[in-house]
Amino acid sequence: MRARAVIQQVDQEPLSDLALRARQGDREAFDRLIRRFEQDVMKTALSLTGNPADASDVAQEAYLKLVRHRGGLDELKNLRGWVYRITVNAARDLHRRNRKWAPLKEIAARMWPQDNATAAELRNRLSNALSHLSFNERAAFVFKDLHELETSEVAEILGCRPVTIRGYLHTARRKLRRQLSDLRRVK
C-alpha cells in the first residue's frame, strides 16, 4: 500500500522538474515524462491517422523527436503543447507520404455499439465523412471537438493563428454537416 502512495506522489511531480532532470540525463525522469504523455500522444495519433498501426508509428516518431531534442526540454514554457505539435507534425509527415487518410473505423467504433447493423453503417458514414477533411481541418476538429482544447492552444499546436483555426473548424464542420445531413433529427 505504501508503494502505491509513493508512485502516486512521483506521478504528480511537476512537468518542469521532470523535464529538467531528463535534460540532465536522468533516464528514469525521461521515461516518466514519456509515460505522462503516452495516452495523449496515442489518442491524438489515432484520431489523426485512424489506424492503430499508423498511430503507433506516429507516436514512435514523436518520442524519437522528444529524445533528440531533450536538451531544450527545460526551456519550453508549454511542454504539453510542444508534444501535441510534434505528434501532429509526425502525423502530417505520414499523411504526406501516404497521400490518403486511413478510415476512422476505430474512432467511430467507440462512438456507437458494434452489435447493430445501423451502428455499423453510422461508423462507416462518419469514417467516410472525416476522410474528406484536409489534414489541417481534421487536426483542428480533433483537437477542438474531441480533445476539447481552446482555440489558442490548437493554434499553437498547429503553428498558425487562432483565426486560421476558426476557419479550419468552420470548414470542417460545414463539410461534416453536408456529408451527414440526412442523419439530423427533424424536430
C-alpha atoms as a PDB file:
ATOM      1  CA  MET A   1       0.000   0.000   0.000  1.00  0.00           C
ATOM      2  CA  ARG A   2       2.842   2.393   0.788  1.00  0.00           C
ATOM      3  CA  ALA A   3       4.460   1.745  -2.618  1.00  0.00           C
ATOM      4  CA  ARG A   4       1.250   2.915  -4.334  1.00  0.00           C
ATOM      5  CA  ALA A   5       1.366   6.198  -2.396  1.00  0.00           C
ATOM      6  CA  VAL A   6       4.996   6.730  -3.437  1.00  0.00           C
ATOM      7  CA  ILE A   7       4.122   6.034  -7.093  1.00  0.00           C
ATOM      8  CA  GLN A   8       1.199   8.491  -6.972  1.00  0.00           C
ATOM      9  CA  GLN A   9       3.428  11.132  -5.392  1.00  0.00           C
ATOM     10  CA  VAL A  10       6.089  10.598  -8.071  1.00  0.00           C
ATOM     11  CA  ASP A  11       3.450  10.817 -10.847  1.00  0.00           C
ATOM     12  CA  GLN A  12       2.465  14.266  -9.553  1.00  0.00           C
ATOM     13  CA  GLU A  13       5.980  15.638  -9.903  1.00  0.00           C
ATOM     14  CA  PRO A  14       5.748  18.867 -11.939  1.00  0.00           C
ATOM     15  CA  LEU A  15       6.488  18.509 -15.643  1.00  0.00           C
ATOM     16  CA  SER A  16       9.111  21.246 -15.397  1.00  0.00           C
ATOM     17  CA  ASP A  17      11.056  19.228 -12.800  1.00  0.00           C
ATOM     18  CA  LEU A  18      10.837  16.056 -14.874  1.00  0.00           C
ATOM     19  CA  ALA A  19      11.929  17.945 -17.987  1.00  0.00           C
ATOM     20  CA  LEU A  20      14.928  19.462 -16.202  1.00  0.00           C
ATOM     21  CA  ARG A  21      16.012  16.089 -14.821  1.00  0.00           C
ATOM     22  CA  ALA A  22      15.504  14.444 -18.223  1.00  0.00           C
ATOM     23  CA  ARG A  23      17.653  17.140 -19.843  1.00  0.00           C
ATOM     24  CA  GLN A  24      20.393  16.392 -17.329  1.00  0.00           C
ATOM     25  CA  GLY A  25      20.394  12.744 -18.430  1.00  0.00           C
ATOM     26  CA  ASP A  26      18.135  11.145 -15.799  1.00  0.00           C
ATOM     27  CA  ARG A  27      16.691   8.223 -17.772  1.00  0.00           C
ATOM     28  CA  GLU A  28      14.025   7.461 -15.157  1.00  0.00           C
ATOM     29  CA  ALA A  29      12.747  11.047 -15.328  1.00  0.00           C
ATOM     30  CA  PHE A  30      12.683  10.857 -19.122  1.00  0.00           C
ATOM     31  CA  ASP A  31      10.754   7.560 -19.039  1.00  0.00           C
ATOM     32  CA  ARG A  32       8.226   9.051 -16.608  1.00  0.00           C
ATOM     33  CA  LEU A  33       7.891  12.102 -18.827  1.00  0.00           C
ATOM     34  CA  ILE A  34       7.098   9.850 -21.798  1.00  0.00           C
ATOM     35  CA  ARG A  35       4.558   7.891 -19.718  1.00  0.00           C
ATOM     36  CA  ARG A  36       2.843  11.154 -18.698  1.00  0.00           C
ATOM     37  CA  PHE A  37       2.201  11.955 -22.374  1.00  0.00           C
ATOM     38  CA  GLU A  38       1.775   8.432 -23.725  1.00  0.00           C
ATOM     39  CA  GLN A  39      -2.026   8.341 -23.607  1.00  0.00           C
ATOM     40  CA  ASP A  40      -2.428  11.831 -25.109  1.00  0.00           C
ATOM     41  CA  VAL A  41       0.053  11.080 -27.894  1.00  0.00           C
ATOM     42  CA  MET A  42      -1.647   7.804 -28.847  1.00  0.00           C
ATOM     43  CA  LYS A  43      -5.134   9.300 -28.672  1.00  0.00           C
ATOM     44  CA  THR A  44      -4.049  12.190 -30.889  1.00  0.00           C
ATOM     45  CA  ALA A  45      -2.182   9.963 -33.325  1.00  0.00           C
ATOM     46  CA  LEU A  46      -5.140   7.571 -33.636  1.00  0.00           C
ATOM     47  CA  SER A  47      -7.558  10.458 -34.102  1.00  0.00           C
ATOM     48  CA  LEU A  48      -5.434  11.902 -36.898  1.00  0.00           C
ATOM     49  CA  THR A  49      -4.473   8.691 -38.681  1.00  0.00           C
ATOM     50  CA  GLY A  50      -7.485   6.494 -37.939  1.00  0.00           C
ATOM     51  CA  ASN A  51      -5.297   3.435 -37.989  1.00  0.00           C
ATOM     52  CA  PRO A  52      -3.646   1.802 -34.941  1.00  0.00           C
ATOM     53  CA  ALA A  53      -0.518   0.789 -36.870  1.00  0.00           C
ATOM     54  CA  ASP A  54      -0.039   4.289 -38.284  1.00  0.00           C
ATOM     55  CA  ALA A  55      -0.832   5.813 -34.885  1.00  0.00           C
ATOM     56  CA  SER A  56       1.891   3.675 -33.331  1.00  0.00           C
ATOM     57  CA  ASP A  57       4.371   4.850 -35.991  1.00  0.00           C
ATOM     58  CA  VAL A  58       3.396   8.476 -35.366  1.00  0.00           C
ATOM     59  CA  ALA A  59       3.780   8.044 -31.593  1.00  0.00           C
ATOM     60  CA  GLN A  60       7.212   6.442 -32.014  1.00  0.00           C
ATOM     61  CA  GLU A  61       8.315   9.306 -34.248  1.00  0.00           C
ATOM     62  CA  ALA A  62       7.093  11.804 -31.652  1.00  0.00           C
ATOM     63  CA  TYR A  63       9.030  10.012 -28.899  1.00  0.00           C
ATOM     64  CA  LEU A  64      12.181   9.912 -31.054  1.00  0.00           C
ATOM     65  CA  LYS A  65      11.937  13.643 -31.622  1.00  0.00           C
ATOM     66  CA  LEU A  66      11.493  14.152 -27.901  1.00  0.00           C
ATOM     67  CA  VAL A  67      14.676  12.118 -27.320  1.00  0.00           C
ATOM     68  CA  ARG A  68      16.600  14.062 -29.995  1.00  0.00           C
ATOM     69  CA  HIS A  69      15.565  17.430 -28.563  1.00  0.00           C
ATOM     70  CA  ARG A  70      15.624  16.662 -24.861  1.00  0.00           C
ATOM     71  CA  GLY A  71      18.416  19.212 -24.423  1.00  0.00           C
ATOM     72  CA  GLY A  72      15.895  22.027 -24.630  1.00  0.00           C
ATOM     73  CA  LEU A  73      13.159  20.476 -22.520  1.00  0.00           C
ATOM     74  CA  ASP A  74      13.529  22.752 -19.523  1.00  0.00           C
ATOM     75  CA  GLU A  75      13.361  25.843 -21.730  1.00  0.00           C
ATOM     76  CA  LEU A  76       9.863  25.062 -23.014  1.00  0.00           C
ATOM     77  CA  LYS A  77       7.037  27.036 -21.474  1.00  0.00           C
ATOM     78  CA  ASN A  78       4.315  24.732 -22.816  1.00  0.00           C
ATOM     79  CA  LEU A  79       5.693  21.212 -22.882  1.00  0.00           C
ATOM     80  CA  ARG A  80       2.281  19.615 -23.418  1.00  0.00           C
ATOM     81  CA  GLY A  81       1.615  21.878 -26.417  1.00  0.00           C
ATOM     82  CA  TRP A  82       5.025  21.007 -27.858  1.00  0.00           C
ATOM     83  CA  VAL A  83       4.343  17.280 -27.514  1.00  0.00           C
ATOM     84  CA  TYR A  84       0.988  17.725 -29.290  1.00  0.00           C
ATOM     85  CA  ARG A  85       2.716  19.708 -32.015  1.00  0.00           C
ATOM     86  CA  ILE A  86       5.398  17.098 -32.689  1.00  0.00           C
ATOM     87  CA  THR A  87       2.654  14.448 -32.776  1.00  0.00           C
ATOM     88  CA  VAL A  88       0.708  16.492 -35.329  1.00  0.00           C
ATOM     89  CA  ASN A  89       3.845  17.031 -37.403  1.00  0.00           C
ATOM     90  CA  ALA A  90       4.629  13.314 -37.379  1.00  0.00           C
ATOM     91  CA  ALA A  91       1.039  12.563 -38.484  1.00  0.00           C
ATOM     92  CA  ARG A  92       1.298  15.257 -41.176  1.00  0.00           C
ATOM     93  CA  ASP A  93       4.530  13.696 -42.460  1.00  0.00           C
ATOM     94  CA  LEU A  94       2.884  10.274 -42.607  1.00  0.00           C
ATOM     95  CA  HIS A  95      -0.103  11.781 -44.414  1.00  0.00           C
ATOM     96  CA  ARG A  96       2.208  13.407 -46.982  1.00  0.00           C
ATOM     97  CA  ARG A  97       3.943  10.096 -47.607  1.00  0.00           C
ATOM     98  CA  ASN A  98       0.668   8.162 -47.957  1.00  0.00           C
ATOM     99  CA  ARG A  99      -1.405  10.967 -49.529  1.00  0.00           C
ATOM    100  CA  LYS A 100      -4.603   9.441 -48.202  1.00  0.00           C
ATOM    101  CA  TRP A 101      -6.411   9.066 -44.922  1.00  0.00           C
ATOM    102  CA  ALA A 102      -6.987   5.712 -43.355  1.00  0.00           C
ATOM    103  CA  PRO A 103     -10.614   5.007 -42.423  1.00  0.00           C
ATOM    104  CA  LEU A 104     -11.560   6.066 -38.925  1.00  0.00           C
ATOM    105  CA  LYS A 105     -13.490   2.938 -38.013  1.00  0.00           C
ATOM    106  CA  GLU A 106     -11.612   2.645 -34.696  1.00  0.00           C
ATOM    107  CA  ILE A 107     -12.788   6.084 -33.570  1.00  0.00           C
ATOM    108  CA  ALA A 108     -16.314   5.563 -34.820  1.00  0.00           C
ATOM    109  CA  ALA A 109     -16.473   2.150 -33.129  1.00  0.00           C
ATOM    110  CA  ARG A 110     -16.042   3.877 -29.776  1.00  0.00           C
ATOM    111  CA  MET A 111     -18.987   6.157 -30.502  1.00  0.00           C
ATOM    112  CA  TRP A 112     -21.602   3.519 -31.301  1.00  0.00           C
ATOM    113  CA  PRO A 113     -22.158  -0.116 -30.261  1.00  0.00           C
ATOM    114  CA  GLN A 114     -20.842  -2.703 -32.694  1.00  0.00           C
ATOM    115  CA  ASP A 115     -23.693  -5.208 -32.458  1.00  0.00           C
ATOM    116  CA  ASN A 116     -26.114  -3.183 -34.539  1.00  0.00           C
ATOM    117  CA  ALA A 117     -26.220  -3.041 -38.347  1.00  0.00           C
ATOM    118  CA  THR A 118     -27.336   0.589 -38.194  1.00  0.00           C
ATOM    119  CA  ALA A 119     -24.410   1.417 -35.915  1.00  0.00           C
ATOM    120  CA  ALA A 120     -22.022  -0.177 -38.427  1.00  0.00           C
ATOM    121  CA  GLU A 121     -23.494   1.985 -41.177  1.00  0.00           C
ATOM    122  CA  LEU A 122     -23.121   5.087 -38.995  1.00  0.00           C
ATOM    123  CA  ARG A 123     -19.475   4.240 -38.256  1.00  0.00           C
ATOM    124  CA  ASN A 124     -18.794   3.857 -41.960  1.00  0.00           C
ATOM    125  CA  ARG A 125     -20.537   7.139 -42.754  1.00  0.00           C
ATOM    126  CA  LEU A 126     -18.573   9.022 -40.099  1.00  0.00           C
ATOM    127  CA  SER A 127     -15.321   7.459 -41.217  1.00  0.00           C
ATOM    128  CA  ASN A 128     -16.032   8.433 -44.806  1.00  0.00           C
ATOM    129  CA  ALA A 129     -17.040  11.981 -43.846  1.00  0.00           C
ATOM    130  CA  LEU A 130     -13.886  12.552 -41.794  1.00  0.00           C
ATOM    131  CA  SER A 131     -11.706  11.206 -44.583  1.00  0.00           C
ATOM    132  CA  HIS A 132     -12.868  14.085 -46.810  1.00  0.00           C
ATOM    133  CA  LEU A 133     -11.351  16.693 -44.498  1.00  0.00           C
ATOM    134  CA  SER A 134      -7.937  18.183 -45.212  1.00  0.00           C
ATOM    135  CA  PHE A 135      -5.168  17.458 -42.732  1.00  0.00           C
ATOM    136  CA  ASN A 136      -5.495  20.859 -41.037  1.00  0.00           C
ATOM    137  CA  GLU A 137      -9.304  20.691 -40.917  1.00  0.00           C
ATOM    138  CA  ARG A 138      -9.155  17.245 -39.393  1.00  0.00           C
ATOM    139  CA  ALA A 139      -6.438  18.201 -36.892  1.00  0.00           C
ATOM    140  CA  ALA A 140      -8.327  21.322 -35.814  1.00  0.00           C
ATOM    141  CA  PHE A 141     -11.543  19.305 -35.436  1.00  0.00           C
ATOM    142  CA  VAL A 142      -9.796  16.556 -33.444  1.00  0.00           C
ATOM    143  CA  PHE A 143      -8.107  18.967 -31.033  1.00  0.00           C
ATOM    144  CA  LYS A 144     -11.022  21.361 -30.595  1.00  0.00           C
ATOM    145  CA  ASP A 145     -14.009  18.995 -30.633  1.00  0.00           C
ATOM    146  CA  LEU A 146     -12.536  15.685 -29.465  1.00  0.00           C
ATOM    147  CA  HIS A 147      -9.750  16.852 -27.127  1.00  0.00           C
ATOM    148  CA  GLU A 148     -11.746  19.964 -26.163  1.00  0.00           C
ATOM    149  CA  LEU A 149      -8.745  22.301 -26.297  1.00  0.00           C
ATOM    150  CA  GLU A 150      -9.042  26.083 -26.526  1.00  0.00           C
ATOM    151  CA  THR A 151      -8.702  27.640 -29.974  1.00  0.00           C
ATOM    152  CA  SER A 152      -5.482  29.388 -28.917  1.00  0.00           C
ATOM    153  CA  GLU A 153      -3.993  26.048 -27.833  1.00  0.00           C
ATOM    154  CA  VAL A 154      -4.947  24.419 -31.135  1.00  0.00           C
ATOM    155  CA  ALA A 155      -3.379  27.361 -32.982  1.00  0.00           C
ATOM    156  CA  GLU A 156      -0.138  26.941 -31.063  1.00  0.00           C
ATOM    157  CA  ILE A 157      -0.070  23.193 -31.729  1.00  0.00           C
ATOM    158  CA  LEU A 158      -0.710  23.599 -35.458  1.00  0.00           C
ATOM    159  CA  GLY A 159       1.579  26.612 -35.751  1.00  0.00           C
ATOM    160  CA  CYS A 160      -0.942  29.130 -37.044  1.00  0.00           C
ATOM    161  CA  ARG A 161      -3.163  31.956 -35.852  1.00  0.00           C
ATOM    162  CA  PRO A 162      -6.441  31.388 -33.940  1.00  0.00           C
ATOM    163  CA  VAL A 163      -8.413  32.975 -36.780  1.00  0.00           C
ATOM    164  CA  THR A 164      -6.988  30.315 -39.108  1.00  0.00           C
ATOM    165  CA  ILE A 165      -8.092  27.574 -36.705  1.00  0.00           C
ATOM    166  CA  ARG A 166     -11.603  29.031 -36.607  1.00  0.00           C
ATOM    167  CA  GLY A 167     -11.608  28.899 -40.412  1.00  0.00           C
ATOM    168  CA  TYR A 168     -10.489  25.254 -40.422  1.00  0.00           C
ATOM    169  CA  LEU A 169     -13.160  24.402 -37.852  1.00  0.00           C
ATOM    170  CA  HIS A 170     -15.870  26.201 -39.783  1.00  0.00           C
ATOM    171  CA  THR A 171     -14.942  24.398 -42.989  1.00  0.00           C
ATOM    172  CA  ALA A 172     -14.612  21.008 -41.259  1.00  0.00           C
ATOM    173  CA  ARG A 173     -17.963  21.311 -39.510  1.00  0.00           C
ATOM    174  CA  ARG A 174     -19.663  22.526 -42.701  1.00  0.00           C
ATOM    175  CA  LYS A 175     -18.256  19.547 -44.645  1.00  0.00           C
ATOM    176  CA  LEU A 176     -19.296  17.112 -41.916  1.00  0.00           C
ATOM    177  CA  ARG A 177     -22.810  18.599 -41.742  1.00  0.00           C
ATOM    178  CA  ARG A 178     -23.133  18.303 -45.503  1.00  0.00           C
ATOM    179  CA  GLN A 179     -21.861  14.717 -45.545  1.00  0.00           C
ATOM    180  CA  LEU A 180     -24.061  13.667 -42.628  1.00  0.00           C
ATOM    181  CA  SER A 181     -27.076  15.946 -43.212  1.00  0.00           C
ATOM    182  CA  ASP A 182     -29.539  13.091 -43.573  1.00  0.00           C
ATOM    183  CA  LEU A 183     -28.662  11.918 -40.035  1.00  0.00           C
ATOM    184  CA  ARG A 184     -30.028  15.073 -38.396  1.00  0.00           C
ATOM    185  CA  ARG A 185     -33.227  14.620 -36.471  1.00  0.00           C
ATOM    186  CA  VAL A 186     -36.186  16.678 -37.565  1.00  0.00           C
ATOM    187  CA  LYS A 187     -37.873  18.443 -34.626  1.00  0.00           C
END
